[in-house]
Amino acid sequence: MPVGPDLVVAYLSADYVVFGEPDLVLHIGEPSEELDALLAAEGAETAAYVTAANPHGRPAGRTENVLATTALLEAQREAGYACFAGEGRDPQGEWPAEPSVLVVGISRAEAEVLGRSYEQNAIVFVERSRAPELVLLDGAPGATQTAP
């Protein structure tokens, strides 16, 4: 099922937060020196910001979302990736924060498979020295979206 334009706008305007001291906040289409530093410190060129919460963009219960995100985090750590917990936030406060994970070192292809395996509409993919990209996973035309 194609992702509607309102949902794409929400994804494009979201704050993608990686917990830390201080938190690292990613925005689609905006390069981040802090993210580049994190990738460099981990010896990686790429990362993906992925959630297991709210499959297909449909609200799920808090417990279900936490359990799914915990499974995602543990599976990626077992696969050998450095992972950092975070949450996707609506800067307008219209929808609740969504637990998420930054998976460092994962390839774009693997990240897309990962997102699909958790029934997600999109992931955020990043390459060092480049702006984060929203990658739609539904196969719709214009599958890669960046901020206007």
N, C-alpha and C. Protein backbone atom coordinates (compact mmCIF):
# COMPACT_ATOMS: atom_id res chain seq x y z
N MET A 1 0.84 -1.18 0.00
CA MET A 1 0.00 0.00 0.00
C MET A 1 0.89 1.24 0.00
N PRO A 2 0.67 2.16 -0.94
CA PRO A 2 1.50 3.37 -1.00
C PRO A 2 1.33 4.24 0.25
N VAL A 3 2.41 4.92 0.58
CA VAL A 3 2.40 5.83 1.72
C VAL A 3 1.78 7.15 1.26
N GLY A 4 0.79 7.64 1.99
CA GLY A 4 0.12 8.87 1.61
C GLY A 4 1.00 10.09 1.79
N PRO A 5 0.66 11.18 1.09
CA PRO A 5 1.48 12.39 1.15
C PRO A 5 1.56 13.01 2.55
N ASP A 6 0.50 12.91 3.34
CA ASP A 6 0.56 13.47 4.70
C ASP A 6 1.58 12.73 5.55
N LEU A 7 1.64 11.42 5.38
CA LEU A 7 2.61 10.64 6.15
C LEU A 7 4.03 10.94 5.68
N VAL A 8 4.22 11.10 4.39
CA VAL A 8 5.56 11.46 3.89
C VAL A 8 5.99 12.81 4.46
N VAL A 9 5.08 13.78 4.49
CA VAL A 9 5.41 15.09 5.07
C VAL A 9 5.78 14.93 6.54
N ALA A 10 5.05 14.09 7.27
CA ALA A 10 5.38 13.86 8.68
C ALA A 10 6.78 13.25 8.83
N TYR A 11 7.10 12.28 7.98
CA TYR A 11 8.43 11.67 8.02
C TYR A 11 9.52 12.69 7.69
N LEU A 12 9.27 13.51 6.69
CA LEU A 12 10.26 14.50 6.28
C LEU A 12 10.52 15.56 7.34
N SER A 13 9.52 15.87 8.15
CA SER A 13 9.67 16.94 9.14
C SER A 13 10.01 16.43 10.54
N ALA A 14 10.07 15.13 10.72
CA ALA A 14 10.32 14.55 12.05
C ALA A 14 11.72 14.88 12.57
N ASP A 15 11.85 14.84 13.88
CA ASP A 15 13.14 14.90 14.56
C ASP A 15 13.55 13.45 14.84
N TYR A 16 14.66 13.02 14.30
CA TYR A 16 15.18 11.67 14.51
C TYR A 16 16.27 11.78 15.57
N VAL A 17 15.91 11.43 16.81
CA VAL A 17 16.77 11.66 17.97
C VAL A 17 17.55 10.39 18.30
N VAL A 18 18.85 10.57 18.52
CA VAL A 18 19.72 9.51 19.02
C VAL A 18 20.10 9.93 20.44
N PHE A 19 19.75 9.10 21.41
CA PHE A 19 20.00 9.46 22.80
C PHE A 19 21.50 9.54 23.09
N GLY A 20 21.89 10.54 23.85
CA GLY A 20 23.29 10.72 24.23
C GLY A 20 23.42 11.95 25.11
N GLU A 21 24.63 12.34 25.35
CA GLU A 21 24.92 13.53 26.16
C GLU A 21 25.75 14.50 25.34
N PRO A 22 25.17 15.41 24.61
CA PRO A 22 23.73 15.65 24.46
C PRO A 22 23.13 14.74 23.40
N ASP A 23 21.79 14.76 23.30
CA ASP A 23 21.12 14.01 22.23
C ASP A 23 21.59 14.52 20.87
N LEU A 24 21.62 13.63 19.91
CA LEU A 24 21.92 13.96 18.52
C LEU A 24 20.59 13.97 17.78
N VAL A 25 20.26 15.06 17.12
CA VAL A 25 18.98 15.17 16.41
C VAL A 25 19.26 15.28 14.92
N LEU A 26 18.72 14.32 14.18
CA LEU A 26 18.88 14.28 12.72
C LEU A 26 17.64 14.81 12.04
N HIS A 27 17.84 15.48 10.91
CA HIS A 27 16.75 15.96 10.08
C HIS A 27 17.01 15.57 8.64
N ILE A 28 15.96 15.14 7.97
CA ILE A 28 16.08 14.76 6.57
C ILE A 28 16.59 15.96 5.77
N GLY A 29 17.61 15.72 4.94
CA GLY A 29 18.14 16.75 4.07
C GLY A 29 19.12 17.71 4.71
N GLU A 30 19.44 17.52 6.00
CA GLU A 30 20.36 18.42 6.69
C GLU A 30 21.59 17.65 7.17
N PRO A 31 22.76 17.91 6.59
CA PRO A 31 23.98 17.24 7.06
C PRO A 31 24.21 17.51 8.55
N SER A 32 24.89 16.58 9.20
CA SER A 32 25.14 16.70 10.63
C SER A 32 26.61 16.38 10.94
N GLU A 33 27.33 17.38 11.41
CA GLU A 33 28.72 17.16 11.82
C GLU A 33 28.80 16.17 12.97
N GLU A 34 27.83 16.23 13.88
CA GLU A 34 27.82 15.33 15.03
C GLU A 34 27.63 13.88 14.58
N LEU A 35 26.75 13.67 13.60
CA LEU A 35 26.56 12.32 13.07
C LEU A 35 27.81 11.85 12.37
N ASP A 36 28.44 12.72 11.58
CA ASP A 36 29.69 12.35 10.91
C ASP A 36 30.75 11.95 11.93
N ALA A 37 30.82 12.68 13.04
CA ALA A 37 31.79 12.36 14.09
C ALA A 37 31.48 11.00 14.71
N LEU A 38 30.21 10.71 14.93
CA LEU A 38 29.82 9.41 15.49
C LEU A 38 30.21 8.29 14.53
N LEU A 39 29.90 8.46 13.25
CA LEU A 39 30.27 7.44 12.27
C LEU A 39 31.78 7.25 12.22
N ALA A 40 32.52 8.34 12.23
CA ALA A 40 33.98 8.24 12.19
C ALA A 40 34.50 7.52 13.43
N ALA A 41 33.94 7.83 14.60
CA ALA A 41 34.38 7.18 15.84
C ALA A 41 34.11 5.68 15.81
N GLU A 42 33.06 5.28 15.09
CA GLU A 42 32.71 3.85 14.98
C GLU A 42 33.39 3.18 13.79
N GLY A 43 34.16 3.97 13.00
CA GLY A 43 34.84 3.41 11.83
C GLY A 43 33.87 3.01 10.74
N ALA A 44 32.76 3.75 10.61
CA ALA A 44 31.73 3.40 9.65
C ALA A 44 31.49 4.54 8.67
N GLU A 45 31.00 4.18 7.50
CA GLU A 45 30.64 5.16 6.48
C GLU A 45 29.13 5.36 6.38
N THR A 46 28.36 4.41 6.91
CA THR A 46 26.90 4.45 6.75
C THR A 46 26.20 4.10 8.05
N ALA A 47 24.92 4.42 8.10
CA ALA A 47 24.05 4.03 9.21
C ALA A 47 22.61 4.13 8.74
N ALA A 48 21.72 3.51 9.47
CA ALA A 48 20.30 3.63 9.18
C ALA A 48 19.56 3.85 10.49
N TYR A 49 18.59 4.72 10.42
CA TYR A 49 17.72 5.00 11.56
C TYR A 49 16.43 4.24 11.28
N VAL A 50 16.15 3.25 12.14
CA VAL A 50 15.06 2.30 11.89
C VAL A 50 14.21 2.17 13.14
N THR A 51 12.93 1.94 12.94
CA THR A 51 12.05 1.62 14.05
C THR A 51 11.37 0.29 13.78
N ALA A 52 10.90 -0.33 14.83
CA ALA A 52 10.06 -1.52 14.71
C ALA A 52 8.66 -1.20 15.20
N ALA A 53 8.46 0.04 15.63
CA ALA A 53 7.19 0.48 16.20
C ALA A 53 6.16 0.79 15.11
N ASN A 54 4.91 0.66 15.48
CA ASN A 54 3.79 1.08 14.64
C ASN A 54 3.91 0.58 13.19
N PRO A 55 3.90 -0.77 13.00
CA PRO A 55 4.02 -1.32 11.65
C PRO A 55 3.02 -0.69 10.68
N HIS A 56 3.50 -0.44 9.47
CA HIS A 56 2.71 0.17 8.40
C HIS A 56 2.13 1.53 8.79
N GLY A 57 2.76 2.19 9.78
CA GLY A 57 2.30 3.51 10.18
C GLY A 57 1.01 3.51 10.99
N ARG A 58 0.60 2.35 11.45
CA ARG A 58 -0.61 2.24 12.26
C ARG A 58 -0.23 2.18 13.73
N PRO A 59 -0.84 3.01 14.56
CA PRO A 59 -0.48 3.03 15.98
C PRO A 59 -0.64 1.67 16.64
N ALA A 60 0.38 1.27 17.36
CA ALA A 60 0.36 0.04 18.16
C ALA A 60 0.48 0.45 19.63
N GLY A 61 0.24 -0.47 20.52
CA GLY A 61 0.34 -0.17 21.94
C GLY A 61 1.79 0.07 22.36
N ARG A 62 1.95 0.80 23.44
CA ARG A 62 3.29 1.13 23.95
C ARG A 62 4.10 -0.13 24.21
N THR A 63 3.50 -1.11 24.88
CA THR A 63 4.22 -2.35 25.21
C THR A 63 4.65 -3.08 23.95
N GLU A 64 3.76 -3.17 22.97
CA GLU A 64 4.08 -3.83 21.71
C GLU A 64 5.25 -3.13 21.01
N ASN A 65 5.22 -1.79 21.01
CA ASN A 65 6.29 -1.03 20.37
C ASN A 65 7.62 -1.20 21.09
N VAL A 66 7.61 -1.19 22.40
CA VAL A 66 8.85 -1.36 23.17
C VAL A 66 9.43 -2.76 22.94
N LEU A 67 8.58 -3.78 22.96
CA LEU A 67 9.06 -5.15 22.74
C LEU A 67 9.64 -5.32 21.33
N ALA A 68 8.97 -4.76 20.33
CA ALA A 68 9.47 -4.86 18.95
C ALA A 68 10.79 -4.13 18.80
N THR A 69 10.90 -2.95 19.40
CA THR A 69 12.14 -2.17 19.30
C THR A 69 13.28 -2.87 20.03
N THR A 70 12.99 -3.46 21.17
CA THR A 70 14.01 -4.21 21.92
C THR A 70 14.51 -5.39 21.08
N ALA A 71 13.59 -6.08 20.41
CA ALA A 71 13.99 -7.20 19.54
C ALA A 71 14.86 -6.70 18.39
N LEU A 72 14.50 -5.58 17.81
CA LEU A 72 15.29 -4.97 16.73
C LEU A 72 16.70 -4.65 17.21
N LEU A 73 16.79 -3.98 18.34
CA LEU A 73 18.08 -3.58 18.90
C LEU A 73 18.95 -4.80 19.20
N GLU A 74 18.38 -5.80 19.85
CA GLU A 74 19.15 -7.00 20.19
C GLU A 74 19.61 -7.76 18.95
N ALA A 75 18.74 -7.87 17.95
CA ALA A 75 19.10 -8.60 16.73
C ALA A 75 20.24 -7.91 15.99
N GLN A 76 20.21 -6.59 15.94
CA GLN A 76 21.26 -5.87 15.23
C GLN A 76 22.58 -5.92 15.99
N ARG A 77 22.52 -5.86 17.30
CA ARG A 77 23.76 -6.01 18.09
C ARG A 77 24.34 -7.40 17.92
N GLU A 78 23.47 -8.42 17.90
CA GLU A 78 23.94 -9.80 17.69
C GLU A 78 24.55 -9.96 16.29
N ALA A 79 24.06 -9.18 15.34
CA ALA A 79 24.61 -9.22 13.97
C ALA A 79 25.94 -8.48 13.88
N GLY A 80 26.35 -7.83 14.97
CA GLY A 80 27.65 -7.18 15.01
C GLY A 80 27.65 -5.69 14.77
N TYR A 81 26.48 -5.09 14.70
CA TYR A 81 26.40 -3.64 14.47
C TYR A 81 26.42 -2.87 15.78
N ALA A 82 27.07 -1.73 15.76
CA ALA A 82 26.94 -0.79 16.87
C ALA A 82 25.57 -0.14 16.74
N CYS A 83 24.85 -0.06 17.83
CA CYS A 83 23.49 0.48 17.79
C CYS A 83 23.31 1.51 18.90
N PHE A 84 22.51 2.51 18.59
CA PHE A 84 22.22 3.57 19.55
C PHE A 84 20.71 3.77 19.60
N ALA A 85 20.17 3.74 20.80
CA ALA A 85 18.72 3.92 20.98
C ALA A 85 18.34 5.37 20.73
N GLY A 86 17.11 5.57 20.34
CA GLY A 86 16.59 6.91 20.11
C GLY A 86 15.10 6.89 19.98
N GLU A 87 14.56 7.98 19.44
CA GLU A 87 13.12 8.03 19.18
C GLU A 87 12.84 9.08 18.11
N GLY A 88 11.87 8.75 17.27
CA GLY A 88 11.39 9.70 16.28
C GLY A 88 10.35 10.58 16.95
N ARG A 89 10.49 11.89 16.76
CA ARG A 89 9.58 12.83 17.41
C ARG A 89 8.90 13.73 16.38
N ASP A 90 7.66 14.03 16.66
CA ASP A 90 6.92 14.99 15.86
C ASP A 90 7.16 16.38 16.45
N PRO A 91 7.81 17.27 15.71
CA PRO A 91 8.09 18.60 16.27
C PRO A 91 6.83 19.39 16.58
N GLN A 92 5.69 19.00 15.99
CA GLN A 92 4.41 19.67 16.28
C GLN A 92 3.70 19.03 17.47
N GLY A 93 4.18 17.88 17.92
CA GLY A 93 3.58 17.19 19.06
C GLY A 93 2.24 16.54 18.77
N GLU A 94 1.95 16.29 17.50
CA GLU A 94 0.67 15.69 17.15
C GLU A 94 0.65 14.17 17.27
N TRP A 95 1.81 13.53 17.23
CA TRP A 95 1.86 12.09 17.45
C TRP A 95 2.95 11.78 18.47
N PRO A 96 2.76 10.69 19.22
CA PRO A 96 3.73 10.36 20.28
C PRO A 96 5.08 9.93 19.71
N ALA A 97 6.11 10.11 20.52
CA ALA A 97 7.46 9.68 20.12
C ALA A 97 7.46 8.18 19.85
N GLU A 98 8.30 7.78 18.89
CA GLU A 98 8.36 6.39 18.45
C GLU A 98 9.76 5.85 18.72
N PRO A 99 9.89 4.81 19.57
CA PRO A 99 11.22 4.28 19.85
C PRO A 99 11.89 3.80 18.57
N SER A 100 13.20 4.08 18.45
CA SER A 100 13.94 3.80 17.23
C SER A 100 15.38 3.45 17.56
N VAL A 101 16.10 3.01 16.53
CA VAL A 101 17.49 2.59 16.70
C VAL A 101 18.32 3.11 15.53
N LEU A 102 19.49 3.68 15.82
CA LEU A 102 20.47 4.02 14.79
C LEU A 102 21.40 2.81 14.70
N VAL A 103 21.41 2.16 13.53
CA VAL A 103 22.24 0.98 13.28
C VAL A 103 23.44 1.44 12.46
N VAL A 104 24.62 1.40 13.06
CA VAL A 104 25.83 1.95 12.44
C VAL A 104 26.56 0.86 11.65
N GLY A 105 26.91 1.21 10.40
CA GLY A 105 27.69 0.31 9.56
C GLY A 105 26.85 -0.55 8.63
N ILE A 106 25.55 -0.47 8.73
CA ILE A 106 24.67 -1.28 7.88
C ILE A 106 24.62 -0.69 6.47
N SER A 107 24.55 -1.54 5.48
CA SER A 107 24.43 -1.06 4.10
C SER A 107 22.99 -0.63 3.82
N ARG A 108 22.84 0.14 2.76
CA ARG A 108 21.49 0.58 2.39
C ARG A 108 20.58 -0.61 2.09
N ALA A 109 21.08 -1.56 1.32
CA ALA A 109 20.27 -2.73 0.96
C ALA A 109 19.84 -3.50 2.21
N GLU A 110 20.79 -3.72 3.13
CA GLU A 110 20.45 -4.43 4.37
C GLU A 110 19.46 -3.63 5.21
N ALA A 111 19.62 -2.31 5.23
CA ALA A 111 18.72 -1.46 6.01
C ALA A 111 17.30 -1.51 5.44
N GLU A 112 17.18 -1.54 4.11
CA GLU A 112 15.87 -1.64 3.51
C GLU A 112 15.21 -2.98 3.84
N VAL A 113 15.98 -4.05 3.80
CA VAL A 113 15.45 -5.36 4.17
C VAL A 113 15.02 -5.34 5.64
N LEU A 114 15.84 -4.74 6.48
CA LEU A 114 15.52 -4.66 7.90
C LEU A 114 14.21 -3.90 8.12
N GLY A 115 14.07 -2.74 7.49
CA GLY A 115 12.84 -1.97 7.63
C GLY A 115 11.62 -2.75 7.18
N ARG A 116 11.74 -3.42 6.04
CA ARG A 116 10.62 -4.22 5.55
C ARG A 116 10.30 -5.37 6.49
N SER A 117 11.33 -5.96 7.10
CA SER A 117 11.08 -7.10 7.99
C SER A 117 10.29 -6.68 9.23
N TYR A 118 10.34 -5.42 9.58
CA TYR A 118 9.55 -4.89 10.70
C TYR A 118 8.32 -4.14 10.19
N GLU A 119 7.97 -4.37 8.92
CA GLU A 119 6.76 -3.82 8.30
C GLU A 119 6.69 -2.30 8.38
N GLN A 120 7.83 -1.66 8.11
CA GLN A 120 7.89 -0.20 8.15
C GLN A 120 7.67 0.40 6.77
N ASN A 121 7.14 1.61 6.76
CA ASN A 121 6.93 2.33 5.51
C ASN A 121 8.21 2.96 5.00
N ALA A 122 9.13 3.28 5.92
CA ALA A 122 10.33 4.02 5.54
C ALA A 122 11.43 3.81 6.57
N ILE A 123 12.64 4.12 6.14
CA ILE A 123 13.80 4.20 7.03
C ILE A 123 14.51 5.51 6.71
N VAL A 124 15.44 5.88 7.56
CA VAL A 124 16.33 7.00 7.27
C VAL A 124 17.71 6.41 7.06
N PHE A 125 18.30 6.70 5.90
CA PHE A 125 19.63 6.18 5.60
C PHE A 125 20.61 7.33 5.55
N VAL A 126 21.80 7.10 6.11
CA VAL A 126 22.82 8.16 6.12
C VAL A 126 24.17 7.61 5.65
N GLU A 127 24.88 8.48 4.95
CA GLU A 127 26.26 8.22 4.57
C GLU A 127 27.08 9.36 5.13
N ARG A 128 28.27 9.03 5.61
CA ARG A 128 29.12 10.07 6.18
C ARG A 128 29.31 11.20 5.18
N SER A 129 29.25 12.42 5.67
CA SER A 129 29.40 13.67 4.90
C SER A 129 28.23 13.96 3.96
N ARG A 130 27.12 13.26 4.15
CA ARG A 130 25.93 13.52 3.34
C ARG A 130 24.73 13.70 4.25
N ALA A 131 23.71 14.35 3.74
CA ALA A 131 22.49 14.57 4.51
C ALA A 131 21.68 13.27 4.62
N PRO A 132 21.03 13.05 5.78
CA PRO A 132 20.15 11.89 5.92
C PRO A 132 19.05 11.91 4.86
N GLU A 133 18.71 10.71 4.36
CA GLU A 133 17.67 10.55 3.35
C GLU A 133 16.52 9.74 3.90
N LEU A 134 15.31 10.12 3.55
CA LEU A 134 14.15 9.29 3.83
C LEU A 134 14.01 8.31 2.67
N VAL A 135 13.97 7.03 2.99
CA VAL A 135 13.84 5.99 1.97
C VAL A 135 12.51 5.29 2.19
N LEU A 136 11.57 5.50 1.25
CA LEU A 136 10.28 4.83 1.33
C LEU A 136 10.44 3.39 0.90
N LEU A 137 9.78 2.49 1.61
CA LEU A 137 9.97 1.07 1.38
C LEU A 137 8.79 0.41 0.68
N ASP A 138 7.81 1.16 0.28
CA ASP A 138 6.63 0.56 -0.32
C ASP A 138 6.72 0.36 -1.82
N GLY A 139 7.84 0.76 -2.42
CA GLY A 139 8.00 0.59 -3.85
C GLY A 139 7.30 1.66 -4.68
N ALA A 140 6.79 2.70 -4.01
CA ALA A 140 6.11 3.77 -4.72
C ALA A 140 7.09 4.56 -5.56
N PRO A 141 6.61 5.19 -6.64
CA PRO A 141 7.49 6.05 -7.43
C PRO A 141 8.14 7.11 -6.53
N GLY A 142 9.35 7.48 -6.84
CA GLY A 142 10.05 8.47 -6.01
C GLY A 142 10.40 7.88 -4.67
N ALA A 143 10.92 6.66 -4.65
CA ALA A 143 11.14 5.94 -3.40
C ALA A 143 12.12 6.64 -2.45
N THR A 144 13.00 7.45 -2.95
CA THR A 144 13.87 8.18 -2.05
C THR A 144 13.40 9.62 -1.99
N GLN A 145 13.17 10.09 -0.79
CA GLN A 145 12.69 11.44 -0.57
C GLN A 145 13.71 12.21 0.27
N THR A 146 13.94 13.44 -0.08
CA THR A 146 14.77 14.31 0.74
C THR A 146 14.00 15.59 0.97
N ALA A 147 14.43 16.34 1.94
CA ALA A 147 13.73 17.58 2.25
C ALA A 147 13.75 18.50 1.04
N PRO A 148 12.65 19.21 0.82
CA PRO A 148 12.60 20.12 -0.33
C PRO A 148 13.60 21.24 -0.23
